[in-house]
Amino acid sequence: MTENDDNEQIKDTDNKNLGYTVLMTNGRPLEMALDVGCGTGRYTLPLAPHFKKVLGLDVSESQISVAKKITMANNVSYMMAPAEKLPLKDASVDLVHSGLAAHWFTLDKFINESVRVLKTRGCLAFHGFVPLFELEYKHLSHDLNVVVKEAWVTLFDHGDNSNDEMICQYQNIYEAIPLKDKKHITEMLQKVPMSIPEFIGFIESLYMCQNFKEKDVEKAEQFLIQTEKR
C-alpha cells in the first residue's frame, strides 16, 4: 500500500461522509467538524479543506503530540478529551466523525454527547473496516489466501471484542444509534496494490499483532517471518 493509495481510500470515505453532511445541511456553509478518537490525525486532516475549523480529539497524549507535529493546516487543531465528554458547546458542530474508533467508546454516552453538540441536521458518521482480506496475484491467489487465513486465525487469538464489532460491520453500533434518519452502508470493497513486505508491515501494525508481541515477542516475530516466507 503506497501513501497515495492510502490517502485515496481516506478521501473516498471522507467524501461519502461529506456528501451526506452537505445534503443534510441544505448547502449551508460547513463551519465545524469534530474527529473523535483521531489518533495521529489520519482521518482528521482530509476534512480540513471542507470546514472552517476541524478539531481532533483523543485520550492519548502521545497520539495528539504526533498529530500536532505533522499537521500543517491552519484550521486544524487537536486536544486531549474523552469521547464521552466532548469539550464543545451545544449545537456547535456540523459533523461528528469517528474513524476506526467507535468500538472503543462507551457508546451511549458518546452518542448522547454527539447529539448534544451537533447542529440541527448535522451528521454523525462512523466508519470501520472488516479485518478480512484476500490477496490476488496471477495463479498464486489461492495459495496466498490459504496463508492469509491461517495468519488471521493466529491474530484473532490475540484480539478482543472489537473484532466482533468490525466483522459485523458496526451493525450493533448502528442499531444503538437512537436517531430516525440514519443509514448503514456496507460492502464497500477496495482494491489496494500491495507488495508482500507491505502486507506483512500492515499485519504488524494491527493491535492484535502488537498484543501478540507484548505476550511473546519472539513468537510474534517468528510468526511474521514465517508468514512472509510462505
C-alpha atoms as a PDB file:
ATOM      1  CA  MET A   1       0.000   0.000   0.000  1.00  0.00           C
ATOM      2  CA  THR A   2       1.550   3.298  -1.008  1.00  0.00           C
ATOM      3  CA  GLU A   3       0.939   6.581   0.767  1.00  0.00           C
ATOM      4  CA  ASN A   4      -1.060   7.826  -2.223  1.00  0.00           C
ATOM      5  CA  ASP A   5      -3.217   4.678  -2.264  1.00  0.00           C
ATOM      6  CA  ASP A   6      -3.861   5.080   1.451  1.00  0.00           C
ATOM      7  CA  ASN A   7      -4.791   8.745   1.006  1.00  0.00           C
ATOM      8  CA  GLU A   8      -7.219   7.873  -1.803  1.00  0.00           C
ATOM      9  CA  GLN A   9      -9.031   5.412   0.488  1.00  0.00           C
ATOM     10  CA  ILE A  10      -9.296   8.043   3.200  1.00  0.00           C
ATOM     11  CA  LYS A  11     -10.569  10.626   0.716  1.00  0.00           C
ATOM     12  CA  ASP A  12     -13.176   8.181  -0.585  1.00  0.00           C
ATOM     13  CA  THR A  13     -14.506   7.541   2.919  1.00  0.00           C
ATOM     14  CA  ASP A  14     -14.490  11.222   3.850  1.00  0.00           C
ATOM     15  CA  ASN A  15     -16.189  12.203   0.596  1.00  0.00           C
ATOM     16  CA  LYS A  16     -19.125   9.932   1.418  1.00  0.00           C
ATOM     17  CA  ASN A  17     -19.419  11.492   4.880  1.00  0.00           C
ATOM     18  CA  LEU A  18     -19.114  14.998   3.454  1.00  0.00           C
ATOM     19  CA  GLY A  19     -21.668  14.361   0.733  1.00  0.00           C
ATOM     20  CA  TYR A  20     -24.225  13.284   3.305  1.00  0.00           C
ATOM     21  CA  THR A  21     -23.380  16.240   5.536  1.00  0.00           C
ATOM     22  CA  VAL A  22     -23.834  18.715   2.687  1.00  0.00           C
ATOM     23  CA  LEU A  23     -27.174  17.098   1.812  1.00  0.00           C
ATOM     24  CA  MET A  24     -28.424  17.324   5.381  1.00  0.00           C
ATOM     25  CA  THR A  25     -27.356  20.954   5.786  1.00  0.00           C
ATOM     26  CA  ASN A  26     -29.051  22.040   2.544  1.00  0.00           C
ATOM     27  CA  GLY A  27     -25.835  23.582   1.292  1.00  0.00           C
ATOM     28  CA  ARG A  28     -25.227  25.626   4.442  1.00  0.00           C
ATOM     29  CA  PRO A  29     -21.519  26.533   4.811  1.00  0.00           C
ATOM     30  CA  LEU A  30     -19.769  23.864   6.848  1.00  0.00           C
ATOM     31  CA  GLU A  31     -18.148  25.550   9.816  1.00  0.00           C
ATOM     32  CA  MET A  32     -17.066  22.897  12.305  1.00  0.00           C
ATOM     33  CA  ALA A  33     -16.024  19.242  12.104  1.00  0.00           C
ATOM     34  CA  LEU A  34     -15.105  17.087  15.092  1.00  0.00           C
ATOM     35  CA  ASP A  35     -12.998  13.942  14.676  1.00  0.00           C
ATOM     36  CA  VAL A  36     -13.276  11.796  17.805  1.00  0.00           C
ATOM     37  CA  GLY A  37     -10.618   9.213  18.553  1.00  0.00           C
ATOM     38  CA  CYS A  38      -8.468  10.963  15.975  1.00  0.00           C
ATOM     39  CA  GLY A  39      -5.161   9.291  16.839  1.00  0.00           C
ATOM     40  CA  THR A  40      -2.417  10.923  14.785  1.00  0.00           C
ATOM     41  CA  GLY A  41      -4.893  12.750  12.546  1.00  0.00           C
ATOM     42  CA  ARG A  42      -5.166  10.127   9.831  1.00  0.00           C
ATOM     43  CA  TYR A  43      -8.835  10.935   9.163  1.00  0.00           C
ATOM     44  CA  THR A  44      -8.752  14.467  10.566  1.00  0.00           C
ATOM     45  CA  LEU A  45      -6.579  16.214   8.004  1.00  0.00           C
ATOM     46  CA  PRO A  46      -8.665  15.287   4.920  1.00  0.00           C
ATOM     47  CA  LEU A  47     -11.576  17.227   6.477  1.00  0.00           C
ATOM     48  CA  ALA A  48      -9.607  20.492   6.574  1.00  0.00           C
ATOM     49  CA  PRO A  49     -10.432  21.778   3.060  1.00  0.00           C
ATOM     50  CA  HIS A  50     -14.163  21.390   3.662  1.00  0.00           C
ATOM     51  CA  PHE A  51     -14.666  23.122   7.027  1.00  0.00           C
ATOM     52  CA  LYS A  52     -13.681  26.442   8.531  1.00  0.00           C
ATOM     53  CA  LYS A  53     -12.479  24.609  11.649  1.00  0.00           C
ATOM     54  CA  VAL A  54     -11.598  20.988  12.384  1.00  0.00           C
ATOM     55  CA  LEU A  55     -10.907  19.655  15.880  1.00  0.00           C
ATOM     56  CA  GLY A  56      -9.390  16.251  16.575  1.00  0.00           C
ATOM     57  CA  LEU A  57      -9.874  14.642  19.976  1.00  0.00           C
ATOM     58  CA  ASP A  58      -8.120  11.672  21.529  1.00  0.00           C
ATOM     59  CA  VAL A  59      -7.346  10.384  25.026  1.00  0.00           C
ATOM     60  CA  SER A  60      -3.752   9.549  24.095  1.00  0.00           C
ATOM     61  CA  GLU A  61      -1.265  12.320  24.787  1.00  0.00           C
ATOM     62  CA  SER A  62       1.377  10.674  22.573  1.00  0.00           C
ATOM     63  CA  GLN A  63      -1.017  10.384  19.622  1.00  0.00           C
ATOM     64  CA  ILE A  64      -2.093  14.007  19.952  1.00  0.00           C
ATOM     65  CA  SER A  65       1.542  15.065  20.147  1.00  0.00           C
ATOM     66  CA  VAL A  66       2.316  13.315  16.855  1.00  0.00           C
ATOM     67  CA  ALA A  67      -0.797  14.776  15.216  1.00  0.00           C
ATOM     68  CA  LYS A  68       0.234  18.301  16.156  1.00  0.00           C
ATOM     69  CA  LYS A  69       3.741  17.801  14.781  1.00  0.00           C
ATOM     70  CA  ILE A  70       2.637  16.558  11.370  1.00  0.00           C
ATOM     71  CA  THR A  71      -0.298  18.927  10.844  1.00  0.00           C
ATOM     72  CA  MET A  72       0.338  21.935   8.630  1.00  0.00           C
ATOM     73  CA  ALA A  73      -3.275  23.063   8.072  1.00  0.00           C
ATOM     74  CA  ASN A  74      -4.037  26.280   9.942  1.00  0.00           C
ATOM     75  CA  ASN A  75      -7.682  25.393  10.548  1.00  0.00           C
ATOM     76  CA  VAL A  76      -6.955  22.047  12.251  1.00  0.00           C
ATOM     77  CA  SER A  77      -6.318  21.749  15.987  1.00  0.00           C
ATOM     78  CA  TYR A  78      -6.104  18.912  18.492  1.00  0.00           C
ATOM     79  CA  MET A  79      -6.729  18.377  22.165  1.00  0.00           C
ATOM     80  CA  MET A  80      -6.993  15.578  24.692  1.00  0.00           C
ATOM     81  CA  ALA A  81     -10.555  14.682  25.619  1.00  0.00           C
ATOM     82  CA  PRO A  82     -12.650  11.527  26.004  1.00  0.00           C
ATOM     83  CA  ALA A  83     -15.383  10.636  23.527  1.00  0.00           C
ATOM     84  CA  GLU A  84     -17.865  10.519  26.377  1.00  0.00           C
ATOM     85  CA  LYS A  85     -17.357  14.165  27.354  1.00  0.00           C
ATOM     86  CA  LEU A  86     -16.934  16.377  24.293  1.00  0.00           C
ATOM     87  CA  PRO A  87     -15.493  19.819  25.165  1.00  0.00           C
ATOM     88  CA  LEU A  88     -17.824  21.796  22.902  1.00  0.00           C
ATOM     89  CA  LYS A  89     -20.974  23.873  23.226  1.00  0.00           C
ATOM     90  CA  ASP A  90     -24.446  22.617  22.357  1.00  0.00           C
ATOM     91  CA  ALA A  91     -25.399  22.769  18.665  1.00  0.00           C
ATOM     92  CA  SER A  92     -21.948  23.916  17.522  1.00  0.00           C
ATOM     93  CA  VAL A  93     -20.791  21.160  15.147  1.00  0.00           C
ATOM     94  CA  ASP A  94     -21.768  20.223  11.583  1.00  0.00           C
ATOM     95  CA  LEU A  95     -20.055  16.825  11.506  1.00  0.00           C
ATOM     96  CA  VAL A  96     -19.062  14.456  14.314  1.00  0.00           C
ATOM     97  CA  HIS A  97     -16.837  11.802  12.814  1.00  0.00           C
ATOM     98  CA  SER A  98     -15.031   8.742  14.151  1.00  0.00           C
ATOM     99  CA  GLY A  99     -12.821   6.514  12.027  1.00  0.00           C
ATOM    100  CA  LEU A 100     -11.887   3.045  13.313  1.00  0.00           C
ATOM    101  CA  ALA A 101     -12.519   4.136  16.896  1.00  0.00           C
ATOM    102  CA  ALA A 102     -16.222   3.951  17.813  1.00  0.00           C
ATOM    103  CA  HIS A 103     -15.937   0.384  19.112  1.00  0.00           C
ATOM    104  CA  TRP A 104     -13.641   1.657  21.893  1.00  0.00           C
ATOM    105  CA  PHE A 105     -16.155   4.216  23.196  1.00  0.00           C
ATOM    106  CA  THR A 106     -18.837   3.936  25.868  1.00  0.00           C
ATOM    107  CA  LEU A 107     -21.372   4.185  23.087  1.00  0.00           C
ATOM    108  CA  ASP A 108     -24.482   5.542  24.794  1.00  0.00           C
ATOM    109  CA  LYS A 109     -22.552   8.396  26.415  1.00  0.00           C
ATOM    110  CA  PHE A 110     -20.723   9.218  23.186  1.00  0.00           C
ATOM    111  CA  ILE A 111     -23.936   9.269  21.144  1.00  0.00           C
ATOM    112  CA  ASN A 112     -25.664  11.500  23.710  1.00  0.00           C
ATOM    113  CA  GLU A 113     -22.729  13.893  23.613  1.00  0.00           C
ATOM    114  CA  SER A 114     -22.688  13.842  19.806  1.00  0.00           C
ATOM    115  CA  VAL A 115     -26.376  14.676  19.609  1.00  0.00           C
ATOM    116  CA  ARG A 116     -25.810  17.489  22.092  1.00  0.00           C
ATOM    117  CA  VAL A 117     -23.027  19.197  20.128  1.00  0.00           C
ATOM    118  CA  LEU A 118     -24.484  18.651  16.647  1.00  0.00           C
ATOM    119  CA  LYS A 119     -26.380  21.425  14.932  1.00  0.00           C
ATOM    120  CA  THR A 120     -29.866  20.777  13.626  1.00  0.00           C
ATOM    121  CA  ARG A 121     -29.487  18.403  10.650  1.00  0.00           C
ATOM    122  CA  GLY A 122     -25.829  17.860  11.424  1.00  0.00           C
ATOM    123  CA  CYS A 123     -24.218  14.500  10.683  1.00  0.00           C
ATOM    124  CA  LEU A 124     -22.815  11.777  12.951  1.00  0.00           C
ATOM    125  CA  ALA A 125     -20.601   9.406  10.949  1.00  0.00           C
ATOM    126  CA  PHE A 126     -18.675   6.272  11.940  1.00  0.00           C
ATOM    127  CA  HIS A 127     -16.594   4.082   9.716  1.00  0.00           C
ATOM    128  CA  GLY A 128     -14.648   0.912  10.271  1.00  0.00           C
ATOM    129  CA  PHE A 129     -13.394  -1.997   8.206  1.00  0.00           C
ATOM    130  CA  VAL A 130     -13.822  -5.741   8.111  1.00  0.00           C
ATOM    131  CA  PRO A 131     -10.468  -7.265   9.116  1.00  0.00           C
ATOM    132  CA  LEU A 132     -10.631  -9.887   6.366  1.00  0.00           C
ATOM    133  CA  PHE A 133      -8.595  -9.689   3.185  1.00  0.00           C
ATOM    134  CA  GLU A 134      -7.941 -11.617   0.015  1.00  0.00           C
ATOM    135  CA  LEU A 135      -4.752 -11.434  -1.999  1.00  0.00           C
ATOM    136  CA  GLU A 136      -4.686 -11.701  -5.779  1.00  0.00           C
ATOM    137  CA  TYR A 137      -1.584 -12.498  -7.803  1.00  0.00           C
ATOM    138  CA  LYS A 138      -1.744 -14.410 -11.068  1.00  0.00           C
ATOM    139  CA  HIS A 139      -2.131 -18.179 -10.464  1.00  0.00           C
ATOM    140  CA  LEU A 140      -0.923 -17.938  -6.832  1.00  0.00           C
ATOM    141  CA  SER A 141      -4.056 -16.306  -5.365  1.00  0.00           C
ATOM    142  CA  HIS A 142      -5.405 -19.498  -3.784  1.00  0.00           C
ATOM    143  CA  ASP A 143      -2.096 -20.408  -2.119  1.00  0.00           C
ATOM    144  CA  LEU A 144      -1.615 -16.853  -0.848  1.00  0.00           C
ATOM    145  CA  ASN A 145      -5.073 -16.770   0.698  1.00  0.00           C
ATOM    146  CA  VAL A 146      -4.541 -20.081   2.492  1.00  0.00           C
ATOM    147  CA  VAL A 147      -1.595 -18.424   4.227  1.00  0.00           C
ATOM    148  CA  VAL A 148      -3.605 -15.256   4.934  1.00  0.00           C
ATOM    149  CA  LYS A 149      -6.492 -17.189   6.508  1.00  0.00           C
ATOM    150  CA  GLU A 150      -4.112 -19.072   8.766  1.00  0.00           C
ATOM    151  CA  ALA A 151      -2.465 -15.795   9.760  1.00  0.00           C
ATOM    152  CA  TRP A 152      -5.837 -14.306  10.713  1.00  0.00           C
ATOM    153  CA  VAL A 153      -6.598 -17.305  12.933  1.00  0.00           C
ATOM    154  CA  THR A 154      -3.380 -16.627  14.815  1.00  0.00           C
ATOM    155  CA  LEU A 155      -4.047 -12.881  15.048  1.00  0.00           C
ATOM    156  CA  PHE A 156      -7.634 -13.313  16.237  1.00  0.00           C
ATOM    157  CA  ASP A 157      -6.324 -15.365  19.172  1.00  0.00           C
ATOM    158  CA  HIS A 158      -4.766 -12.111  20.377  1.00  0.00           C
ATOM    159  CA  GLY A 159      -7.777  -9.884  19.700  1.00  0.00           C
ATOM    160  CA  ASP A 160     -10.728  -8.737  21.775  1.00  0.00           C
ATOM    161  CA  ASN A 161     -14.416  -7.886  21.364  1.00  0.00           C
ATOM    162  CA  SER A 162     -13.629  -5.031  18.978  1.00  0.00           C
ATOM    163  CA  ASN A 163     -13.028  -7.664  16.290  1.00  0.00           C
ATOM    164  CA  ASP A 164     -16.637  -8.781  16.610  1.00  0.00           C
ATOM    165  CA  GLU A 165     -17.861  -5.214  16.091  1.00  0.00           C
ATOM    166  CA  MET A 166     -15.806  -4.786  12.932  1.00  0.00           C
ATOM    167  CA  ILE A 167     -16.659  -8.201  11.489  1.00  0.00           C
ATOM    168  CA  CYS A 168     -20.371  -7.417  11.818  1.00  0.00           C
ATOM    169  CA  GLN A 169     -19.612  -4.072  10.133  1.00  0.00           C
ATOM    170  CA  TYR A 170     -20.695  -1.954  13.097  1.00  0.00           C
ATOM    171  CA  GLN A 171     -24.237  -3.386  12.922  1.00  0.00           C
ATOM    172  CA  ASN A 172     -24.600  -3.304  16.725  1.00  0.00           C
ATOM    173  CA  ILE A 173     -23.353   0.272  16.863  1.00  0.00           C
ATOM    174  CA  TYR A 174     -25.722   1.276  14.067  1.00  0.00           C
ATOM    175  CA  GLU A 175     -28.706  -0.256  15.846  1.00  0.00           C
ATOM    176  CA  ALA A 176     -27.752   1.534  19.063  1.00  0.00           C
ATOM    177  CA  ILE A 177     -27.978   4.979  17.465  1.00  0.00           C
ATOM    178  CA  PRO A 178     -31.361   6.394  18.599  1.00  0.00           C
ATOM    179  CA  LEU A 179     -31.853   8.561  15.504  1.00  0.00           C
ATOM    180  CA  LYS A 180     -34.560   8.015  12.896  1.00  0.00           C
ATOM    181  CA  ASP A 181     -32.685   9.392   9.907  1.00  0.00           C
ATOM    182  CA  LYS A 182     -29.742   7.038   9.593  1.00  0.00           C
ATOM    183  CA  LYS A 183     -28.099   4.819   7.008  1.00  0.00           C
ATOM    184  CA  HIS A 184     -25.862   1.748   7.277  1.00  0.00           C
ATOM    185  CA  ILE A 185     -23.562   1.384   4.258  1.00  0.00           C
ATOM    186  CA  THR A 186     -21.694  -1.912   3.863  1.00  0.00           C
ATOM    187  CA  GLU A 187     -19.813  -3.919   1.253  1.00  0.00           C
ATOM    188  CA  MET A 188     -17.542  -1.045   0.237  1.00  0.00           C
ATOM    189  CA  LEU A 189     -14.885  -3.229  -1.348  1.00  0.00           C
ATOM    190  CA  GLN A 190     -11.492  -1.695  -2.025  1.00  0.00           C
ATOM    191  CA  LYS A 191      -8.586  -2.994  -4.064  1.00  0.00           C
ATOM    192  CA  VAL A 192      -5.168  -1.825  -2.966  1.00  0.00           C
ATOM    193  CA  PRO A 193      -1.855  -2.552  -4.740  1.00  0.00           C
ATOM    194  CA  MET A 194       0.429  -4.002  -2.087  1.00  0.00           C
ATOM    195  CA  SER A 195       3.680  -5.951  -2.031  1.00  0.00           C
ATOM    196  CA  ILE A 196       4.198  -8.907   0.314  1.00  0.00           C
ATOM    197  CA  PRO A 197       6.562  -6.914   2.611  1.00  0.00           C
ATOM    198  CA  GLU A 198       4.000  -4.089   2.733  1.00  0.00           C
ATOM    199  CA  PHE A 199       1.238  -6.553   3.618  1.00  0.00           C
ATOM    200  CA  ILE A 200       3.381  -8.006   6.406  1.00  0.00           C
ATOM    201  CA  GLY A 201       4.011  -4.458   7.629  1.00  0.00           C
ATOM    202  CA  PHE A 202       0.264  -3.853   7.681  1.00  0.00           C
ATOM    203  CA  ILE A 203      -0.310  -7.027   9.715  1.00  0.00           C
ATOM    204  CA  GLU A 204       2.414  -5.973  12.137  1.00  0.00           C
ATOM    205  CA  SER A 205       0.706  -2.606  12.666  1.00  0.00           C
ATOM    206  CA  LEU A 206      -2.566  -4.203  13.825  1.00  0.00           C
ATOM    207  CA  TYR A 207      -3.293  -4.075  17.538  1.00  0.00           C
ATOM    208  CA  MET A 208      -3.716  -7.873  17.558  1.00  0.00           C
ATOM    209  CA  CYS A 209      -0.123  -8.323  16.435  1.00  0.00           C
ATOM    210  CA  GLN A 210       1.009  -5.741  18.980  1.00  0.00           C
ATOM    211  CA  ASN A 211      -0.801  -7.727  21.688  1.00  0.00           C
ATOM    212  CA  PHE A 212       0.964 -10.841  20.420  1.00  0.00           C
ATOM    213  CA  LYS A 213       4.332  -9.086  20.745  1.00  0.00           C
ATOM    214  CA  GLU A 214       3.573  -7.975  24.283  1.00  0.00           C
ATOM    215  CA  LYS A 215       2.803 -11.566  25.283  1.00  0.00           C
ATOM    216  CA  ASP A 216       5.714 -13.221  23.467  1.00  0.00           C
ATOM    217  CA  VAL A 217       7.850 -11.044  21.209  1.00  0.00           C
ATOM    218  CA  GLU A 218       9.955 -13.957  19.902  1.00  0.00           C
ATOM    219  CA  LYS A 219       6.935 -15.994  18.802  1.00  0.00           C
ATOM    220  CA  ALA A 220       5.330 -12.905  17.253  1.00  0.00           C
ATOM    221  CA  GLU A 221       8.455 -12.091  15.262  1.00  0.00           C
ATOM    222  CA  GLN A 222       8.733 -15.719  14.129  1.00  0.00           C
ATOM    223  CA  PHE A 223       5.071 -15.645  13.074  1.00  0.00           C
ATOM    224  CA  LEU A 224       5.731 -12.609  10.859  1.00  0.00           C
ATOM    225  CA  ILE A 225       8.889 -14.095   9.351  1.00  0.00           C
ATOM    226  CA  GLN A 226       7.235 -17.435   8.558  1.00  0.00           C
ATOM    227  CA  THR A 227       4.142 -15.765   7.118  1.00  0.00           C
ATOM    228  CA  GLU A 228       6.270 -13.655   4.785  1.00  0.00           C
ATOM    229  CA  LYS A 229       8.357 -16.657   3.690  1.00  0.00           C
ATOM    230  CA  ARG A 230       5.273 -18.696   2.857  1.00  0.00           C
END
